[in-house]
Amino acid sequence: MRAIATSGGGLVDVEVPEPTLRPHDLLVRVEAVSVNPADVKIAAGAGDERRILGFDAAGTVVRTGPEATGFEPGDEVYYAGDVTRQGANAALHAVDARIVGHRPRTLSVAQSAAVPLTTITAWESLFTHLGAHKETTGTLLVVGAPGGVGSMLVQLAKQLTSLRVIGTAARGETHDWVTRLGADATVDRHTLVESVKALAPDGVEAVFSPFSEGNIEAYAELVKPFGHVVAIDDHHPDLYPLKSKSIAWHWEFMFTHAMYETPDMGSQGRLLDEAAAHFDAGRLRSTLTTEIDDFTAAGLRRAHELVGAGSSIGKVVVRR
């Protein structure tokens, strides 16, 4: 079976055995994958380790494990995988059925591959950690709004809650992108405190943070007492400035369910099915912006370069 694996900090084409299914698994014929910053980071640090990356994927079910339910061969699916297992940069991929969704009917396979990881991360940030619902009001500050997760969070907050959304951006085209996704306002991330205070003088109820290092003092100033910060980055900043306002700090890591096989592991599959209904109804849109038709090491290297540059808007997808 053909796959793309890490090697010496890069990516190479390799031949590997077909994956063995666990009881809850689906065997999926992979048709498209998207590249996330996590892929780039892991590939750069892999050294000589041979590892198959690829978390976001869309494809077709080939076979099911004896305890897998809800799917049959031929079903078209999308999912974000499990960081503890081999990834989807391969012809065939084994994935636990409980974290898989039926892909949106109105989206192409590439458009579908662009959204699972970011949708799950944004959904859990907004509805699990912040406890938001349709009637939730107040102001949400989305730092890094043009990024993959930020782009989905802006849409979910505007479509499925009553929150006012302010997104940070860095240049004209990213401000335009975030506005088109539905944000009520955008601010320059380089003048965060001043720009947000001009729009929300009394502060904001919550912040989504993919870039926490160097921003804790700003969050302490901007967030109202008993407000919330949801972070997805790997930095471990000093959170003491948040104490006097009793600001809650939440970590969101979408792989937690699969890593620990939590009792509610199936929530991610159900989440993706619900999200698919929103995509099909036009309430959500795919964040695919770049599609590379070269499912080889060369194509994935190009995708890694684009994502690693840190200036791309939306998602980069590699498809067959």
Protein backbone atom coordinates (compact mmCIF):
# COMPACT_ATOMS: atom_id res chain seq x y z
CA MET A 1 0.00 0.00 0.00
CA ARG A 2 1.34 3.43 -0.95
CA ALA A 3 1.72 6.03 1.82
CA ILE A 4 3.66 9.21 2.58
CA ALA A 5 5.85 9.14 5.69
CA THR A 6 8.22 11.45 7.56
CA SER A 7 11.94 11.01 6.99
CA GLY A 8 14.80 13.26 8.05
CA GLY A 9 12.47 16.16 8.71
CA GLY A 10 10.82 15.75 5.29
CA LEU A 11 8.28 13.53 3.55
CA VAL A 12 8.88 10.50 1.30
CA ASP A 13 6.76 7.98 -0.63
CA VAL A 14 6.81 4.54 1.00
CA GLU A 15 5.18 1.13 0.70
CA VAL A 16 3.57 -0.16 3.91
CA PRO A 17 1.24 -3.05 4.84
CA GLU A 18 -2.51 -2.47 4.81
CA PRO A 19 -3.60 -1.40 8.32
CA THR A 20 -5.09 -3.96 10.68
CA LEU A 21 -8.52 -3.03 11.99
CA ARG A 22 -9.35 -2.76 15.69
CA PRO A 23 -12.88 -3.80 16.73
CA HIS A 24 -14.39 -0.28 16.44
CA ASP A 25 -12.48 0.67 13.29
CA LEU A 26 -13.43 1.55 9.76
CA LEU A 27 -11.06 0.96 6.86
CA VAL A 28 -11.32 4.06 4.68
CA ARG A 29 -10.08 4.60 1.13
CA VAL A 30 -8.60 8.09 1.50
CA GLU A 31 -9.47 10.56 -1.25
CA ALA A 32 -8.31 13.87 0.26
CA VAL A 33 -6.44 15.16 3.30
CA SER A 34 -5.83 18.65 4.63
CA VAL A 35 -2.62 19.84 6.24
CA ASN A 36 -2.71 21.42 9.69
CA PRO A 37 0.05 23.23 11.61
CA ALA A 38 0.32 20.07 13.75
CA ASP A 39 1.38 18.08 10.67
CA VAL A 40 4.12 20.59 9.88
CA LYS A 41 5.36 20.69 13.48
CA ILE A 42 5.47 16.89 13.85
CA ALA A 43 7.17 16.40 10.47
CA ALA A 44 9.88 18.94 11.33
CA GLY A 45 10.67 17.21 14.61
CA ALA A 46 10.38 13.60 13.46
CA GLY A 47 14.05 13.18 12.53
CA ASP A 48 14.61 9.73 10.98
CA GLU A 49 11.38 8.35 12.44
CA ARG A 50 9.04 6.96 9.79
CA ARG A 51 5.56 8.16 10.67
CA ILE A 52 2.49 8.54 8.50
CA LEU A 53 0.86 11.90 9.24
CA GLY A 54 -2.48 13.33 8.16
CA PHE A 55 -5.30 14.04 10.58
CA ASP A 56 -8.08 15.57 8.47
CA ALA A 57 -9.38 13.18 5.84
CA ALA A 58 -12.33 12.45 3.58
CA GLY A 59 -12.93 9.18 1.80
CA THR A 60 -15.07 6.06 1.40
CA VAL A 61 -15.57 3.18 3.82
CA VAL A 62 -14.13 -0.09 2.47
CA ARG A 63 -14.61 -2.40 5.45
CA THR A 64 -15.86 -2.23 9.05
CA GLY A 65 -14.60 -3.80 12.27
CA PRO A 66 -16.86 -6.22 14.21
CA GLU A 67 -17.89 -3.59 16.78
CA ALA A 68 -18.11 -0.58 14.46
CA THR A 69 -21.65 0.73 14.10
CA GLY A 70 -23.41 3.35 11.99
CA PHE A 71 -21.42 2.77 8.79
CA GLU A 72 -21.40 0.41 5.83
CA PRO A 73 -18.96 -0.11 2.95
CA GLY A 74 -19.51 2.62 0.38
CA ASP A 75 -20.38 5.34 2.92
CA GLU A 76 -18.66 8.67 2.27
CA VAL A 77 -17.05 9.95 5.45
CA TYR A 78 -14.91 12.71 6.95
CA TYR A 79 -12.97 12.85 10.20
CA ALA A 80 -9.92 14.24 12.07
CA GLY A 81 -8.31 11.01 13.27
CA ASP A 82 -6.26 10.13 16.32
CA VAL A 83 -2.85 11.66 17.09
CA THR A 84 -1.70 8.39 18.74
CA ARG A 85 -2.16 6.31 15.55
CA GLN A 86 -0.80 6.36 12.02
CA GLY A 87 -2.41 9.09 9.94
CA ALA A 88 -4.39 9.35 6.73
CA ASN A 89 -1.59 10.20 4.26
CA ALA A 90 -2.04 6.78 2.69
CA ALA A 91 -4.20 4.86 0.25
CA LEU A 92 -6.10 3.18 3.12
CA HIS A 93 -6.56 4.34 6.70
CA ALA A 94 -7.91 2.67 9.85
CA VAL A 95 -9.92 5.01 12.08
CA ASP A 96 -12.26 4.50 15.03
CA ALA A 97 -15.86 4.80 13.81
CA ARG A 98 -16.85 6.77 16.91
CA ILE A 99 -14.91 9.84 15.75
CA VAL A 100 -16.10 9.67 12.12
CA GLY A 101 -18.96 11.57 10.48
CA HIS A 102 -20.91 11.15 7.25
CA ARG A 103 -19.50 13.84 5.02
CA PRO A 104 -21.66 16.75 3.79
CA ARG A 105 -23.54 15.93 0.58
CA THR A 106 -23.14 19.45 -0.83
CA LEU A 107 -19.37 19.67 -0.37
CA SER A 108 -16.71 18.17 -2.63
CA VAL A 109 -14.32 15.63 -1.15
CA ALA A 110 -11.64 18.35 -0.92
CA GLN A 111 -14.00 20.82 0.73
CA SER A 112 -14.98 18.11 3.23
CA ALA A 113 -11.38 17.21 4.06
CA ALA A 114 -10.67 20.84 4.94
CA VAL A 115 -13.00 21.05 7.92
CA PRO A 116 -13.12 18.16 10.45
CA LEU A 117 -10.27 19.07 12.82
CA THR A 118 -11.02 22.78 12.83
CA THR A 119 -14.77 22.24 13.16
CA ILE A 120 -14.34 19.88 16.12
CA THR A 121 -11.87 22.23 17.82
CA ALA A 122 -14.07 25.28 17.30
CA TRP A 123 -17.24 23.40 18.30
CA GLU A 124 -15.75 22.05 21.53
CA SER A 125 -14.26 25.46 22.36
CA LEU A 126 -17.58 27.23 21.90
CA PHE A 127 -20.16 24.74 23.13
CA THR A 128 -18.25 22.48 25.55
CA HIS A 129 -15.82 24.88 27.23
CA LEU A 130 -17.75 28.14 26.94
CA GLY A 131 -21.16 26.49 27.27
CA ALA A 132 -22.62 28.70 24.52
CA HIS A 133 -26.07 28.13 23.00
CA LYS A 134 -28.48 29.92 20.69
CA GLU A 135 -29.44 32.55 23.27
CA THR A 136 -25.90 33.26 24.49
CA THR A 137 -25.08 36.96 24.20
CA GLY A 138 -22.02 39.08 24.95
CA THR A 139 -18.80 39.52 23.00
CA LEU A 140 -16.37 36.83 21.87
CA LEU A 141 -12.87 37.86 20.78
CA VAL A 142 -11.41 35.40 18.26
CA VAL A 143 -7.64 35.80 18.09
CA GLY A 144 -6.22 34.46 14.82
CA ALA A 145 -9.63 34.60 13.19
CA PRO A 146 -8.34 34.03 9.61
CA GLY A 147 -6.77 30.68 10.59
CA GLY A 148 -8.39 27.29 10.19
CA VAL A 149 -9.97 27.07 13.65
CA GLY A 150 -10.71 30.77 13.86
CA SER A 151 -12.53 30.66 10.53
CA MET A 152 -14.82 27.92 11.77
CA LEU A 153 -15.33 29.50 15.19
CA VAL A 154 -16.47 32.79 13.68
CA GLN A 155 -19.07 30.95 11.59
CA LEU A 156 -20.33 28.74 14.42
CA ALA A 157 -20.63 31.66 16.83
CA LYS A 158 -22.56 33.81 14.35
CA GLN A 159 -24.82 31.04 13.06
CA LEU A 160 -25.57 29.09 16.23
CA THR A 161 -25.34 31.66 19.07
CA SER A 162 -26.29 35.30 19.65
CA LEU A 163 -22.72 36.37 20.44
CA ARG A 164 -21.12 39.47 19.00
CA VAL A 165 -17.85 38.35 17.35
CA ILE A 166 -14.67 40.41 17.02
CA GLY A 167 -11.85 38.80 15.06
CA THR A 168 -8.19 39.75 14.92
CA ALA A 169 -6.39 39.92 11.58
CA ALA A 170 -3.12 41.29 10.25
CA ARG A 171 -3.64 42.58 6.72
CA GLY A 172 -6.37 43.72 4.35
CA GLU A 173 -7.18 40.38 2.76
CA THR A 174 -7.45 38.63 6.13
CA HIS A 175 -9.74 41.34 7.50
CA ASP A 176 -11.94 40.84 4.40
CA TRP A 177 -11.94 37.05 4.85
CA VAL A 178 -13.07 37.25 8.49
CA THR A 179 -15.77 39.79 7.62
CA ARG A 180 -17.13 37.54 4.87
CA LEU A 181 -17.36 34.69 7.36
CA GLY A 182 -19.73 36.84 9.45
CA ALA A 183 -17.64 38.60 12.10
CA ASP A 184 -19.25 41.76 13.43
CA ALA A 185 -15.91 43.56 13.45
CA THR A 186 -12.20 42.97 12.92
CA VAL A 187 -9.23 44.51 14.71
CA ASP A 188 -5.51 44.73 14.10
CA ARG A 189 -3.78 42.06 16.15
CA HIS A 190 -0.75 44.34 16.56
CA THR A 191 -2.81 46.88 18.57
CA LEU A 192 -5.01 44.34 20.32
CA VAL A 193 -5.92 46.12 23.56
CA GLU A 194 -6.52 49.55 22.06
CA SER A 195 -8.50 48.19 19.10
CA VAL A 196 -10.75 45.93 21.14
CA LYS A 197 -11.40 48.58 23.81
CA ALA A 198 -12.58 50.95 21.10
CA LEU A 199 -15.27 48.41 20.16
CA ALA A 200 -15.97 46.94 23.61
CA PRO A 201 -15.07 49.57 26.25
CA ASP A 202 -16.46 47.43 29.08
CA GLY A 203 -14.52 44.34 27.97
CA VAL A 204 -15.39 40.97 26.43
CA GLU A 205 -16.93 37.87 27.93
CA ALA A 206 -14.59 35.36 26.26
CA VAL A 207 -11.43 35.00 24.19
CA PHE A 208 -10.37 32.20 21.86
CA SER A 209 -6.56 32.02 21.87
CA PRO A 210 -4.30 30.12 19.47
CA PHE A 211 -1.42 32.48 20.35
CA SER A 212 -1.19 32.84 24.13
CA GLU A 213 2.48 33.66 24.64
CA GLY A 214 2.86 37.38 25.24
CA ASN A 215 -0.90 37.97 25.30
CA ILE A 216 -1.90 37.10 28.87
CA GLU A 217 -1.60 40.68 30.14
CA ALA A 218 -3.79 41.81 27.24
CA TYR A 219 -6.40 39.14 28.01
CA ALA A 220 -6.37 40.14 31.69
CA GLU A 221 -7.14 43.70 30.67
CA LEU A 222 -9.79 42.88 28.06
CA VAL A 223 -11.79 40.06 29.66
CA LYS A 224 -14.54 40.93 32.12
CA PRO A 225 -14.53 39.50 35.66
CA PHE A 226 -15.50 35.79 35.66
CA GLY A 227 -14.93 35.65 31.92
CA HIS A 228 -13.22 32.85 29.98
CA VAL A 229 -10.21 32.13 27.77
CA VAL A 230 -10.07 28.99 25.60
CA ALA A 231 -6.55 28.19 24.36
CA ILE A 232 -5.34 25.64 21.81
CA ASP A 233 -1.62 26.43 21.60
CA ASP A 234 1.29 24.61 23.24
CA HIS A 235 2.72 27.50 25.23
CA HIS A 236 2.54 27.46 29.02
CA PRO A 237 2.31 31.14 29.94
CA ASP A 238 2.11 32.61 33.41
CA LEU A 239 -1.63 32.91 34.02
CA TYR A 240 -1.37 34.88 37.26
CA PRO A 241 -2.56 38.18 35.68
CA LEU A 242 -5.98 36.51 35.18
CA LYS A 243 -6.46 35.77 38.89
CA SER A 244 -7.82 39.08 40.19
CA LYS A 245 -10.79 38.91 37.79
CA SER A 246 -11.34 35.17 38.39
CA ILE A 247 -10.96 34.59 34.65
CA ALA A 248 -11.24 30.89 33.78
CA TRP A 249 -8.62 29.27 31.53
CA HIS A 250 -9.64 26.29 29.36
CA TRP A 251 -7.41 24.02 27.28
CA GLU A 252 -9.00 22.60 24.13
CA PHE A 253 -7.30 19.56 22.58
CA MET A 254 -9.57 17.74 20.17
CA PHE A 255 -7.53 14.52 20.34
CA THR A 256 -8.30 14.01 24.05
CA HIS A 257 -11.39 11.87 23.37
CA ALA A 258 -9.56 9.38 21.15
CA MET A 259 -6.32 9.37 23.19
CA TYR A 260 -8.14 8.31 26.35
CA GLU A 261 -11.17 6.59 24.79
CA THR A 262 -13.39 8.77 26.97
CA PRO A 263 -16.96 7.63 27.65
CA ASP A 264 -18.26 10.40 25.37
CA MET A 265 -15.82 9.60 22.55
CA GLY A 266 -18.76 9.23 20.17
CA SER A 267 -19.62 12.90 20.66
CA GLN A 268 -17.15 13.79 17.91
CA GLY A 269 -18.82 11.57 15.35
CA ARG A 270 -22.21 13.00 16.27
CA LEU A 271 -20.75 16.51 16.14
CA LEU A 272 -19.47 15.94 12.59
CA ASP A 273 -22.88 14.60 11.50
CA GLU A 274 -24.58 17.68 12.94
CA ALA A 275 -22.01 19.96 11.32
CA ALA A 276 -22.63 18.22 7.98
CA ALA A 277 -26.30 19.18 8.25
CA HIS A 278 -25.27 22.81 8.77
CA PHE A 279 -22.92 22.70 5.77
CA ASP A 280 -25.69 21.20 3.62
CA ALA A 281 -28.15 23.87 4.79
CA GLY A 282 -25.71 26.63 3.85
CA ARG A 283 -25.24 27.85 7.42
CA LEU A 284 -21.57 26.89 7.36
CA ARG A 285 -19.06 27.03 4.50
CA SER A 286 -15.88 25.06 3.91
CA THR A 287 -12.67 26.96 4.54
CA LEU A 288 -10.80 25.31 1.66
CA THR A 289 -8.72 27.91 -0.19
CA THR A 290 -5.92 25.87 -1.83
CA GLU A 291 -6.34 22.48 -3.51
CA ILE A 292 -3.33 20.43 -4.65
CA ASP A 293 -4.11 17.51 -6.98
CA ASP A 294 -1.01 15.45 -6.19
CA PHE A 295 -1.42 12.84 -3.45
CA THR A 296 2.31 12.06 -3.26
CA ALA A 297 5.20 13.17 -1.09
CA ALA A 298 5.84 16.01 -3.54
CA GLY A 299 2.27 17.29 -3.25
CA LEU A 300 2.26 17.05 0.53
CA ARG A 301 5.64 18.78 0.74
CA ARG A 302 4.14 21.69 -1.17
CA ALA A 303 1.17 21.79 1.21
CA HIS A 304 3.50 21.73 4.24
CA GLU A 305 5.45 24.65 2.80
CA LEU A 306 2.29 26.72 2.38
CA VAL A 307 1.01 25.97 5.87
CA GLY A 308 4.45 26.36 7.45
CA ALA A 309 4.84 29.84 5.97
CA GLY A 310 2.12 30.99 8.36
CA SER A 311 0.50 33.44 5.96
CA SER A 312 -2.11 31.26 4.26
CA ILE A 313 -5.82 31.95 4.69
CA GLY A 314 -8.16 29.03 5.23
CA LYS A 315 -7.09 25.44 4.57
CA VAL A 316 -4.77 23.62 2.17
CA VAL A 317 -6.01 20.25 0.87
CA VAL A 318 -4.21 17.51 -1.07
CA ARG A 319 -6.44 15.16 -3.07
CA ARG A 320 -6.13 12.26 -5.48
